[in-house]
Each structure stands twice: as structure tokens, then as C-alpha cells.
Protein backbone atom coordinates (compact mmCIF):
# COMPACT_ATOMS: atom_id res chain seq x y z
CA UNK A 1 -27.49 1.49 -2.98
CA UNK A 2 -25.88 4.27 -5.04
CA UNK A 3 -23.64 3.27 -8.00
CA UNK A 4 -20.24 5.02 -7.95
CA UNK A 5 -17.85 6.20 -10.62
CA UNK A 6 -14.23 6.24 -9.55
CA UNK A 7 -11.28 8.34 -10.69
CA UNK A 8 -8.29 6.92 -12.55
CA UNK A 9 -4.74 7.99 -11.70
CA UNK A 10 -2.18 7.65 -14.49
CA UNK A 11 1.13 7.24 -12.64
CA UNK A 12 4.21 6.11 -14.56
CA UNK A 13 4.57 2.83 -12.65
CA UNK A 14 1.05 1.66 -13.51
CA UNK A 15 -0.07 -1.23 -15.68
CA UNK A 16 -1.73 -0.24 -18.96
CA UNK A 17 -4.15 -3.18 -19.17
CA UNK A 18 -5.25 -4.58 -15.78
CA UNK A 19 -7.54 -1.82 -14.46
CA UNK A 20 -9.24 -0.86 -17.73
CA UNK A 21 -9.90 -4.53 -18.41
CA UNK A 22 -11.45 -4.96 -14.96
CA UNK A 23 -13.63 -1.89 -15.50
CA UNK A 24 -14.68 -3.02 -18.98
CA UNK A 25 -12.83 -0.17 -20.71
CA UNK A 26 -10.62 -0.30 -23.77
CA UNK A 27 -6.93 0.14 -22.79
CA UNK A 28 -5.66 3.47 -24.16
CA UNK A 29 -1.91 2.90 -23.86
CA UNK A 30 -1.60 4.99 -20.69
CA UNK A 31 -0.47 3.48 -17.38
CA UNK A 32 -3.61 3.00 -15.26
CA UNK A 33 -1.97 2.88 -11.84
CA UNK A 34 -4.93 3.42 -9.50
CA UNK A 35 -8.71 3.79 -9.55
CA UNK A 36 -9.98 5.74 -6.55
CA UNK A 37 -13.27 5.29 -4.68
CA UNK A 38 -14.01 7.74 -1.91
CA UNK A 39 -14.24 11.43 -1.08
CA UNK A 40 -10.51 12.29 -1.13
CA UNK A 41 -10.13 15.74 -2.81
CA UNK A 42 -7.41 14.35 -5.08
CA UNK A 43 -10.00 12.18 -6.89
CA UNK A 44 -13.53 12.28 -5.44
CA UNK A 45 -16.00 9.66 -6.66
CA UNK A 46 -19.30 10.69 -8.21
CA UNK A 47 -22.84 9.34 -8.10
CA UNK A 48 -24.91 8.37 -11.13
CA UNK A 49 -26.39 11.88 -11.34
CA UNK A 50 -22.94 13.50 -11.35
CA UNK A 51 -22.98 14.72 -7.76
CA UNK A 52 -19.92 14.05 -5.59
CA UNK A 53 -20.17 11.13 -3.20
CA UNK A 54 -19.54 13.53 -0.31
CA UNK A 55 -22.99 15.06 -0.88
CA UNK A 56 -24.62 11.98 0.63
CA UNK A 57 -21.75 10.33 2.56
CA UNK A 58 -19.86 13.29 4.02
CA UNK A 59 -16.09 12.99 4.18
CA UNK A 60 -15.12 9.32 4.41
CA UNK A 61 -12.11 8.56 6.66
CA UNK A 62 -10.78 6.04 4.14
CA UNK A 63 -9.95 5.72 0.44
CA UNK A 64 -10.49 2.52 -1.59
CA UNK A 65 -8.31 1.84 -4.63
CA UNK A 66 -7.77 -0.65 -7.36
CA UNK A 67 -3.99 -0.67 -7.74
CA UNK A 68 -2.01 -2.13 -10.65
CA UNK A 69 1.79 -1.91 -10.48
CA UNK A 70 3.88 -2.82 -13.50
CA UNK A 71 7.04 -1.30 -11.98
CA UNK A 72 8.19 -0.77 -8.37
CA UNK A 73 6.68 2.08 -6.39
CA UNK A 74 8.79 4.24 -4.10
CA UNK A 75 10.18 2.81 -0.86
CA UNK A 76 8.16 4.62 1.80
CA UNK A 77 6.55 4.75 5.20
CA UNK A 78 3.83 6.78 6.93
CA UNK A 79 3.61 8.54 10.32
CA UNK A 80 1.35 7.71 13.21
CA UNK A 81 -1.33 10.20 14.31
CA UNK A 82 0.87 12.05 16.81
CA UNK A 83 3.77 12.34 14.35
CA UNK A 84 1.44 13.54 11.61
CA UNK A 85 -0.17 16.20 13.80
CA UNK A 86 3.22 17.45 15.01
CA UNK A 87 4.75 17.45 11.53
CA UNK A 88 1.73 19.24 10.04
CA UNK A 89 1.94 22.01 12.65
CA UNK A 90 5.72 22.30 12.22
CA UNK A 91 5.61 22.61 8.43
CA UNK A 92 2.72 25.08 8.61
CA UNK A 93 4.71 27.21 11.04
CA UNK A 94 7.69 27.07 8.69
CA UNK A 95 5.53 28.43 5.87
CA UNK A 96 5.89 25.37 3.61
CA UNK A 97 2.92 25.37 1.25
CA UNK A 98 0.73 22.31 0.84
CA UNK A 99 1.66 22.20 -2.85
CA UNK A 100 5.41 22.52 -2.14
CA UNK A 101 7.18 19.35 -3.40
CA UNK A 102 9.32 19.34 -0.24
CA UNK A 103 6.25 19.23 2.00
CA UNK A 104 5.95 15.90 3.86
CA UNK A 105 3.01 16.38 6.23
CA UNK A 106 0.06 17.52 4.10
CA UNK A 107 -2.56 16.82 6.78
CA UNK A 108 -2.57 15.94 10.49
CA UNK A 109 -3.68 12.32 9.99
CA UNK A 110 -2.16 8.85 10.07
CA UNK A 111 -2.20 6.75 6.90
CA UNK A 112 -2.44 3.02 7.65
CA UNK A 113 -2.93 0.85 4.55
CA UNK A 114 -4.00 -2.67 3.70
CA UNK A 115 -3.32 -4.27 0.31
CA UNK A 116 -5.21 -7.40 -0.72
CA UNK A 117 -3.93 -9.23 -3.80
CA UNK A 118 -6.16 -9.91 -6.80
CA UNK A 119 -3.25 -11.43 -8.74
CA UNK A 120 0.08 -12.77 -7.48
CA UNK A 121 1.55 -9.66 -5.87
CA UNK A 122 5.21 -8.91 -5.15
CA UNK A 123 6.06 -6.47 -2.35
CA UNK A 124 8.53 -5.44 0.32
CA UNK A 125 6.97 -5.15 3.77
CA UNK A 126 8.72 -4.37 7.06
CA UNK A 127 12.13 -5.42 8.33
CA UNK A 128 13.05 -9.09 8.22
CA UNK A 129 14.12 -10.82 11.47
CA UNK A 130 17.77 -9.96 12.12
CA UNK A 131 19.02 -13.55 12.18
CA UNK A 132 17.60 -14.15 8.70
CA UNK A 133 19.25 -11.00 7.35
CA UNK A 134 22.58 -11.90 8.96
CA UNK A 135 22.42 -15.26 7.18
CA UNK A 136 21.58 -13.56 3.85
CA UNK A 137 24.45 -11.08 4.21
CA UNK A 138 26.91 -13.90 4.90
CA UNK A 139 25.53 -15.80 1.90
CA UNK A 140 26.27 -12.91 -0.49
CA UNK A 141 29.68 -12.31 1.06
CA UNK A 142 28.91 -9.09 2.98
CA UNK A 143 30.48 -10.49 6.16
CA UNK A 144 31.47 -7.12 7.63
CA UNK A 145 27.92 -5.75 7.44
CA UNK A 146 26.55 -9.03 8.82
CA UNK A 147 28.78 -8.70 11.88
CA UNK A 148 27.89 -5.04 12.29
CA UNK A 149 24.20 -5.91 12.16
CA UNK A 150 24.67 -8.65 14.71
CA UNK A 151 26.52 -6.43 17.17
CA UNK A 152 25.12 -2.94 16.58
CA UNK A 153 21.55 -3.70 15.52
CA UNK A 154 19.20 -2.94 12.67
CA UNK A 155 18.66 0.76 13.32
CA UNK A 156 22.39 1.49 13.36
CA UNK A 157 23.06 -0.31 10.09
CA UNK A 158 20.07 1.05 8.16
CA UNK A 159 20.78 4.57 9.43
CA UNK A 160 24.40 4.11 8.40
CA UNK A 161 23.36 3.14 4.87
CA UNK A 162 21.22 6.26 4.52
CA UNK A 163 23.85 8.54 6.08
CA UNK A 164 26.75 7.05 4.13
CA UNK A 165 28.73 5.49 6.97
CA UNK A 166 27.88 2.00 5.66
CA UNK A 167 28.98 1.44 2.06
CA UNK A 168 25.71 0.83 0.21
CA UNK A 169 27.39 0.40 -3.16
CA UNK A 170 29.60 -2.38 -1.80
CA UNK A 171 26.44 -4.13 -0.59
CA UNK A 172 24.95 -3.81 -4.05
CA UNK A 173 28.10 -5.25 -5.65
CA UNK A 174 27.92 -8.27 -3.34
CA UNK A 175 24.53 -9.05 -4.89
CA UNK A 176 25.87 -9.32 -8.45
CA UNK A 177 25.23 -12.79 -9.77
CA UNK A 178 23.85 -14.20 -6.50
CA UNK A 179 20.78 -16.39 -7.18
CA UNK A 180 18.69 -15.41 -4.14
CA UNK A 181 15.48 -13.45 -4.90
CA UNK A 182 16.63 -10.68 -2.56
CA UNK A 183 19.97 -10.24 -4.34
CA UNK A 184 18.37 -10.43 -7.78
CA UNK A 185 15.94 -7.69 -6.76
CA UNK A 186 18.81 -5.46 -5.59
CA UNK A 187 20.58 -5.88 -8.92
CA UNK A 188 17.38 -5.09 -10.83
CA UNK A 189 16.64 -2.00 -8.74
CA UNK A 190 20.23 -0.80 -9.05
CA UNK A 191 19.77 -0.78 -12.82
CA UNK A 192 16.82 1.59 -12.32
CA UNK A 193 18.16 3.69 -9.42
CA UNK A 194 21.94 3.55 -9.65
CA UNK A 195 23.96 4.76 -6.63
CA UNK A 196 20.85 5.08 -4.46
CA UNK A 197 21.24 3.89 -0.81
CA UNK A 198 17.64 2.66 -0.65
CA UNK A 199 18.52 -0.13 -3.11
CA UNK A 200 20.81 -1.67 -0.47
CA UNK A 201 18.17 -1.12 2.24
CA UNK A 202 15.82 -3.51 0.43
CA UNK A 203 18.16 -6.34 1.52
CA UNK A 204 16.87 -5.86 5.07
CA UNK A 205 13.16 -6.04 4.24
CA UNK A 206 10.70 -8.92 3.97
CA UNK A 207 10.15 -9.94 0.35
CA UNK A 208 6.49 -10.95 0.22
CA UNK A 209 4.78 -12.74 -2.65
CA UNK A 210 1.06 -12.67 -1.99
CA UNK A 211 -1.40 -15.09 -3.53
CA UNK A 212 -4.86 -13.80 -4.54
CA UNK A 213 -6.87 -13.17 -1.38
CA UNK A 214 -3.79 -12.66 0.83
CA UNK A 215 -2.96 -9.25 2.27
CA UNK A 216 -0.38 -7.08 3.99
CA UNK A 217 -1.22 -4.39 6.55
CA UNK A 218 1.11 -1.38 6.54
CA UNK A 219 1.07 0.20 9.98
CA UNK A 220 2.82 3.51 10.81
CA UNK A 221 6.61 3.25 10.52
CA UNK A 222 6.50 0.15 8.29
CA UNK A 223 9.01 0.57 5.44
CA UNK A 224 7.50 -0.93 2.30
CA UNK A 225 7.24 -0.88 -1.48
CA UNK A 226 4.92 -2.50 -3.97
CA UNK A 227 6.90 -4.17 -6.76
CA UNK A 228 4.36 -5.70 -9.14
CA UNK A 229 0.80 -6.96 -9.19
CA UNK A 230 -2.88 -6.00 -8.95
CA UNK A 231 -4.77 -5.56 -5.72
CA UNK A 232 -7.44 -3.78 -3.70
CA UNK A 233 -5.91 -1.17 -1.40
CA UNK A 234 -7.64 0.64 1.45
CA UNK A 235 -5.97 3.45 3.37
CA UNK A 236 -6.67 6.26 5.77
CA UNK A 237 -7.63 9.38 3.79
CA UNK A 238 -4.25 11.05 4.22
CA UNK A 239 -1.44 12.24 1.94
CA UNK A 240 1.41 11.87 4.44
CA UNK A 241 4.27 9.91 2.84
CA UNK A 242 7.90 9.76 3.91
CA UNK A 243 9.89 8.40 1.00
CA UNK A 244 13.06 6.41 1.43
CA UNK A 245 14.05 6.05 -2.22
CA UNK A 246 13.28 4.44 -5.58
CA UNK A 247 11.78 7.76 -6.64
CA UNK A 248 12.78 11.17 -7.98
CA UNK A 249 10.52 12.79 -5.36
CA UNK A 250 11.68 14.56 -2.19
CA UNK A 251 13.44 12.49 0.48
CA UNK A 252 14.15 13.77 4.01
CA UNK A 253 16.46 11.22 5.64
CA UNK A 254 16.20 12.76 9.11
CA UNK A 255 12.41 12.62 9.12
CA UNK A 256 12.41 9.14 7.59
CA UNK A 257 14.66 7.72 10.30
CA UNK A 258 12.59 9.37 13.03
CA UNK A 259 9.38 7.75 11.79
CA UNK A 260 10.73 4.31 10.83
CA UNK A 261 10.03 1.46 13.22
CA UNK A 262 12.86 -1.04 13.28
CA UNK A 263 11.12 -3.89 15.10
CA UNK A 264 11.33 -6.93 12.78
CA UNK A 265 8.09 -8.16 11.28
CA UNK A 266 8.12 -11.93 11.63
CA UNK A 267 4.97 -12.62 9.61
CA UNK A 268 4.02 -9.77 7.25
CA UNK A 269 0.97 -11.52 5.80
CA UNK A 270 -2.48 -10.63 7.17
CA UNK A 271 -4.48 -13.80 7.66
CA UNK A 272 -8.16 -13.28 6.87
CA UNK A 273 -10.74 -14.72 9.28
CA UNK A 274 -13.97 -16.31 8.04
CA UNK A 275 -16.62 -14.63 10.19
CA UNK A 276 -19.53 -16.43 8.54
CA UNK A 277 -19.81 -18.73 5.52
CA UNK A 278 -18.22 -16.92 2.57
CA UNK A 279 -17.50 -13.73 4.55
CA UNK A 280 -13.86 -12.92 5.36
CA UNK A 281 -12.48 -10.15 7.57
CA UNK A 282 -8.95 -8.71 7.32
CA UNK A 283 -7.65 -7.56 10.73
CA UNK A 284 -6.43 -3.94 10.59
CA UNK A 285 -6.15 -2.87 14.27
CA UNK A 286 -6.07 0.87 14.80
CA UNK A 287 -7.21 1.75 11.27
CA UNK A 288 -10.15 4.08 10.53
CA UNK A 289 -11.61 1.39 8.30
CA UNK A 290 -12.56 -2.28 8.26
CA UNK A 291 -12.17 -4.45 5.17
CA UNK A 292 -14.20 -7.55 4.38
CA UNK A 293 -14.46 -9.88 1.40
CA UNK A 294 -17.69 -11.60 0.49
CA UNK A 295 -17.39 -14.68 -1.71
CA UNK A 296 -20.98 -14.78 -2.95
CA UNK A 297 -22.44 -18.14 -3.89
CA UNK A 298 -25.93 -18.01 -5.35
CA UNK A 299 -27.06 -14.99 -3.32
CA UNK A 300 -26.09 -13.05 -0.21
CA UNK A 301 -28.00 -10.34 1.67
CA UNK A 302 -25.70 -7.64 3.02
CA UNK A 303 -26.66 -4.85 5.41
CA UNK A 304 -24.30 -1.90 5.85
CA UNK A 305 -22.95 -1.44 9.36
CA UNK A 306 -21.89 2.13 8.58
CA UNK A 307 -20.92 4.23 5.58
CA UNK A 308 -19.67 1.57 3.18
CA UNK A 309 -18.06 1.36 -0.25
CA UNK A 310 -18.59 -1.90 -2.15
CA UNK A 311 -16.42 -3.04 -5.04
CA UNK A 312 -16.97 -6.16 -7.16
CA UNK A 313 -13.82 -7.69 -8.66
CA UNK A 314 -15.37 -10.90 -9.97
CA UNK A 315 -18.86 -11.77 -11.18
CA UNK A 316 -21.39 -10.77 -13.83
CA UNK A 317 -24.75 -10.60 -12.04
CA UNK A 318 -26.52 -7.33 -11.13
CA UNK A 319 -26.83 -5.27 -9.04
CA UNK A 320 -23.01 -5.26 -8.67
CA UNK A 321 -21.22 -6.94 -11.59
CA UNK A 322 -17.51 -7.18 -12.28
CA UNK A 323 -15.78 -3.79 -11.99
CA UNK A 324 -18.79 -2.00 -10.46
CA UNK A 325 -18.74 -0.03 -7.23
CA UNK A 326 -21.46 1.37 -4.99
CA UNK A 327 -22.10 3.29 -1.78
CA UNK A 328 -24.33 1.92 0.98
CA UNK A 329 -25.69 4.18 3.71
CA UNK A 330 -25.79 2.88 7.30
CA UNK A 331 -28.48 0.24 7.67
CA UNK A 332 -29.10 -0.06 3.93
CA UNK A 333 -29.50 -3.60 2.58
CA UNK A 334 -28.58 -5.08 -0.80
CA UNK A 335 -28.95 -8.59 -2.19
CA UNK A 336 -25.76 -9.66 -4.00
CA UNK A 337 -25.78 -12.42 -6.59
CA UNK A 338 -22.99 -14.79 -7.52
CA UNK A 339 -20.76 -16.37 -8.09
CA UNK A 340 -18.89 -13.14 -7.37
CA UNK A 341 -16.33 -11.49 -5.09
CA UNK A 342 -17.31 -8.24 -3.39
CA UNK A 343 -15.05 -6.13 -1.20
CA UNK A 344 -16.70 -4.10 1.56
CA UNK A 345 -14.99 -1.13 3.24
CA UNK A 346 -16.56 0.67 6.16
CA UNK A 347 -15.95 1.82 9.72
CA UNK A 348 -14.10 -0.54 12.08
């Protein structure tokens, strides 16, 4: 087992206390948004001797993060593999540099993500069933949009909001003073991103409040945003993001609407399966990674099935105490001691 040192990312939406506290560091007043574990060139992990993790692991197809959001992240989605490969070729042919802020497809790979909550976690994840949104729209008094949704469908209405044929600001005004969590969120976001169509689009998305240990899996085309909370996130090692709003960064509405999948997501929560006593697996079909959680009692012997990154988020006993991370080579075995919680990311 090789101990790992991760890389902190200080994004403006981050929490200033949660991650440094977990890592046993003194908060420095900066927003610690993410702590990266992997071989991604934007923040490669290092071994105890200072060498990059890639020296012994090669390029990992996934990136593990501790994520701590104190403010909402951008509303976004990610392409599937075919869309990513096509978009990457197209933007290369157009001469758009990889460091150009208008570049969308920075590599030819898909970017599925799973987020597992460590604290209560608030998020938007996928489109809500149409009947539920129709009822919500009627409840806030947006009867015309409710009828349009019922008769023309989700894609037509959401596209209309982004293209300006559906009055997004009228939808936002309907939310003023309404007690529903969805309407209250719209009013709060409008105070941060006034006159932005994406604020109204959040009315059509599942509002998910995860409990610790619960997860969401963000497949290609899933429109989502993290609102607040701390969690473990694992994603494909890709930088392809199509933003839909709640950000000053580049937004391409045409590309966004091409990639979005409008099929409603009835149950956005990923239900972990206990594969053996104390060992839980989070289904992520089609992802280049598998995520497991080990709730260690007194002791647990773990053998790596492939190239694995381990992260302990609770516990004090060596060899992997609270806030520590490590790399396990295929077939390598480690004895974990508890009580502790260890997250294991490897090949599917």
C-alpha cells in the first residue's frame, strides 16, 4: 500500500472548513472546494517520496474527490463517449485551443460521475416526472406553462426557456413567496443569477436531499447541480462539461440541448447493495470505475481487484486513519482497522 497526497482546488463555491478539518489541517480562510486523488493532469496525486502516482499506477481512468460545496455549483451535464469524441474532433478541426475558455470538448472521453454524501447533501439531479412538474407549476400559478408542458412535452418547454420563447422571468416571479422548496430555491438562485434562464429550468429538476451514505449517479445527458454539502465524488477522468447556467463561464445553448437527455428520472438516488457484511457497492453501470464503501468493524482484510484508490473518511486506526488516502496495486492486500469508513475506487 502506497500513501497518497492529494491536491486541493480552491474554487469560489467551496467550504472553508470541511475538507481541511477532515484532512487534519488548519483552515486558512480559503474555500477548499475539492481534494483530488488520481493521475488527472489538473492535480496529480503524489506518493510519499514525492513521485507522481502515475509512475506506479499509469494513467487511471477515474478521479476521486472530496467535495465540499458551500454555494451552488453550475448547472451542467456531460456528453457520452460518442458525443465527446465527435465534439473533440470538431473543435480541434475548428482550431479552438484546449485552453480557450469557449472550448467545450477538452478530450474525447465521457464523464460519468457518482456523488456519495458524507453530510446531508442538497442537489439537483435529472428531470422530474412530468406529472409532478405539471402539479408544481399549477401550484405556483404558472398555468400556461403547465399546459404547454402537458401538451408539448419537456424538451419543447426547456428548450423554449433557453431560447427565450418561454418567459423564464415570469416563471421566476410565480415563485415569489411560494413555500415549496423548489420555489424557494428559484427565488434564492435568482438573487444570485438575476435574469438567467437556467434559474427557471431548476423548477423542472429533481431536488434531492441525500443522507450520509446515499448517492446520485450522473450519467451522460443528466442535467444537475450540487447545491450544498460534503461528499465523495468519483468521475471519469475527463474535463468535458456543458454548462447550462448558474456560472459566469461559457454556455453554448445549442450544444447543451443536443446533449441533454429529457427522459424523466423517477428515482435519482443510487441504492447501495451490501455485497458482504459491512461492504457496500454503488451501482454505476457503464462507468470506467466501481465504487465501494467498507464499514470496518474491528478489522477487515481487503485485496485489490485492480488499480485502486482508498480513502478513509472516518476512523483513527492505522494504516488508514481519518483523512488518509492510499493506492493499492492489483492483488495487493491490506488489513484495515476500525471502527472506520473506507471508500474504495477501482475498475468496474
